[in-house]
Each structure stands twice: as C-alpha cells, then as structure tokens.
Amino acid sequence: MLKAILWLGAAGLLTPLAAWSDAPDTFPPDQIKRGAATFAEYCTPCHGERMSNPELFNLKKFPPDQRARFINSVSNGKNAMPPWRGQLKPDDIEALWSYVSTGEKD
C-alpha cells in the first residue's frame, strides 16, 4: 500500500514530501548523518545530545510508523516546541526523520 505525505510549500502548492510503503523505512547513511547534524544544530538545546533528554519528549521512542505526526510537529510546532518550517526545508525535515527513526537508539 502506497501512502504519500504532502507538504504545503512556500508558494502554497501541495507537493509530495515523501512516499512509503508499510515496510520499515530504510535511509541512505548520508541522509541519517545529515539528519544527525541538523538535530545537533537545531534540536539539542531542548532534546539533548543524541536525543538524550527524555524528560522533555523521548525521541528515542518515537513510533516509526508515525512519520506524518513527526513532520507535522517539526513543521508546525507543538506545545512549547516552535515551528521549524521557516528555518528548515522539507529535505532537512526528512533528514531529521531519518535520524530520529533510525539513529541513536539504546
């Protein structure tokens, strides 16, 4: 089954952000590495180095089947988390997803 996530771009047009099947995601190592670098720059102040601040929100346990929820939260913000849509491009957010969903697990 093919599912697609749409991104409302700066021009106000819906464009595909990603597509995936029900199988677990696999990502190129360079994308995960870029996601780790983006995480280190933008996310560590609150979420800790290597997702090590579980008091705020334990990203190490983020459900791997909730990609749309992750993208929405990062893009639009949630609770005390600010929206990153204006600072991060869709491919940056995809790289973050690849890192959070596959990297730095215990």
Protein backbone atom coordinates (compact mmCIF):
# COMPACT_ATOMS: atom_id res chain seq x y z
CA MET A 1 0.00 0.00 0.00
CA LEU A 2 1.46 3.35 -1.01
CA LYS A 3 0.95 6.38 1.18
CA ALA A 4 2.05 9.94 0.45
CA ILE A 5 2.71 12.93 2.65
CA LEU A 6 2.07 16.33 1.17
CA TRP A 7 3.93 19.50 2.05
CA LEU A 8 2.33 22.92 1.72
CA GLY A 9 5.23 24.75 0.15
CA ALA A 10 6.06 28.45 0.26
CA ALA A 11 4.10 29.02 -2.94
CA GLY A 12 1.02 27.49 -1.30
CA LEU A 13 1.12 24.43 -3.54
CA LEU A 14 0.84 20.92 -2.24
CA THR A 15 3.88 18.93 -3.24
CA PRO A 16 4.86 15.37 -2.35
CA LEU A 17 7.23 15.30 0.59
CA ALA A 18 7.67 11.57 0.77
CA ALA A 19 6.09 8.28 -0.09
CA TRP A 20 6.47 4.98 1.69
CA SER A 21 5.07 1.53 1.99
CA ASP A 22 4.04 -0.29 5.13
CA ALA A 23 7.55 -1.77 5.34
CA PRO A 24 10.03 -0.11 7.73
CA ASP A 25 11.86 2.86 6.26
CA THR A 26 15.42 2.48 5.16
CA PHE A 27 17.55 5.54 4.56
CA PRO A 28 20.92 6.17 2.96
CA PRO A 29 23.63 6.55 5.62
CA ASP A 30 24.47 10.05 4.36
CA GLN A 31 20.85 11.16 4.91
CA ILE A 32 20.92 9.86 8.50
CA LYS A 33 24.24 11.63 9.05
CA ARG A 34 22.80 14.89 7.68
CA GLY A 35 19.78 14.43 9.96
CA ALA A 36 22.10 13.96 12.94
CA ALA A 37 23.91 17.20 12.05
CA THR A 38 20.61 19.06 11.69
CA PHE A 39 19.47 17.63 15.01
CA ALA A 40 22.72 18.73 16.67
CA GLU A 41 22.28 22.26 15.37
CA TYR A 42 18.56 22.83 15.93
CA CYS A 43 17.22 20.25 18.37
CA THR A 44 19.85 19.55 21.04
CA PRO A 45 19.10 22.63 23.16
CA CYS A 46 15.79 21.06 24.14
CA HIS A 47 16.01 17.38 23.21
CA GLY A 48 19.61 16.85 24.35
CA GLU A 49 22.62 15.49 22.56
CA ARG A 50 21.79 12.27 20.73
CA MET A 51 18.14 12.53 21.86
CA SER A 52 19.19 12.10 25.47
CA ASN A 53 16.65 14.35 27.22
CA PRO A 54 13.67 12.02 27.76
CA GLU A 55 12.17 14.43 30.30
CA LEU A 56 11.01 16.70 27.50
CA PHE A 57 9.96 14.12 24.91
CA ASN A 58 11.82 10.86 24.44
CA LEU A 59 12.56 10.90 20.74
CA LYS A 60 14.39 7.58 21.04
CA LYS A 61 10.96 6.00 21.44
CA PHE A 62 9.16 7.97 18.72
CA PRO A 63 6.93 5.47 16.88
CA PRO A 64 8.50 4.67 13.49
CA ASP A 65 5.06 4.38 11.91
CA GLN A 66 4.15 8.00 12.74
CA ARG A 67 6.20 9.86 10.14
CA ALA A 68 3.35 12.29 9.33
CA ARG A 69 3.00 13.18 13.02
CA PHE A 70 6.74 13.87 13.27
CA ILE A 71 6.80 16.02 10.13
CA ASN A 72 3.73 17.96 11.28
CA SER A 73 5.18 18.59 14.75
CA VAL A 74 8.55 19.74 13.41
CA SER A 75 6.98 21.86 10.67
CA ASN A 76 4.19 23.47 12.67
CA GLY A 77 5.41 23.21 16.25
CA LYS A 78 3.65 21.58 19.16
CA ASN A 79 3.11 22.80 22.70
CA ALA A 80 6.37 24.55 23.70
CA MET A 81 8.18 23.46 20.53
CA PRO A 82 8.38 26.22 17.93
CA PRO A 83 7.58 25.64 14.26
CA TRP A 84 10.70 24.99 12.18
CA ARG A 85 9.01 25.25 8.77
CA GLY A 86 10.55 28.65 8.04
CA GLN A 87 14.08 27.62 9.01
CA LEU A 88 14.23 24.02 7.80
CA LYS A 89 13.49 22.91 4.25
CA PRO A 90 11.40 19.79 3.60
CA ASP A 91 14.53 17.75 2.83
CA ASP A 92 16.07 18.89 6.16
CA ILE A 93 12.98 17.64 7.97
CA GLU A 94 13.14 14.36 6.04
CA ALA A 95 16.78 14.00 7.11
CA LEU A 96 15.73 14.66 10.72
CA TRP A 97 13.10 11.95 10.38
CA SER A 98 15.69 9.50 9.08
CA TYR A 99 17.90 10.24 12.11
CA VAL A 100 15.12 10.12 14.73
CA SER A 101 13.52 6.98 13.32
CA THR A 102 16.77 5.02 12.91
CA GLY A 103 19.61 6.60 14.87
CA GLU A 104 20.90 6.75 18.42
CA LYS A 105 18.66 4.04 19.84
CA ASP A 106 19.62 2.36 23.10
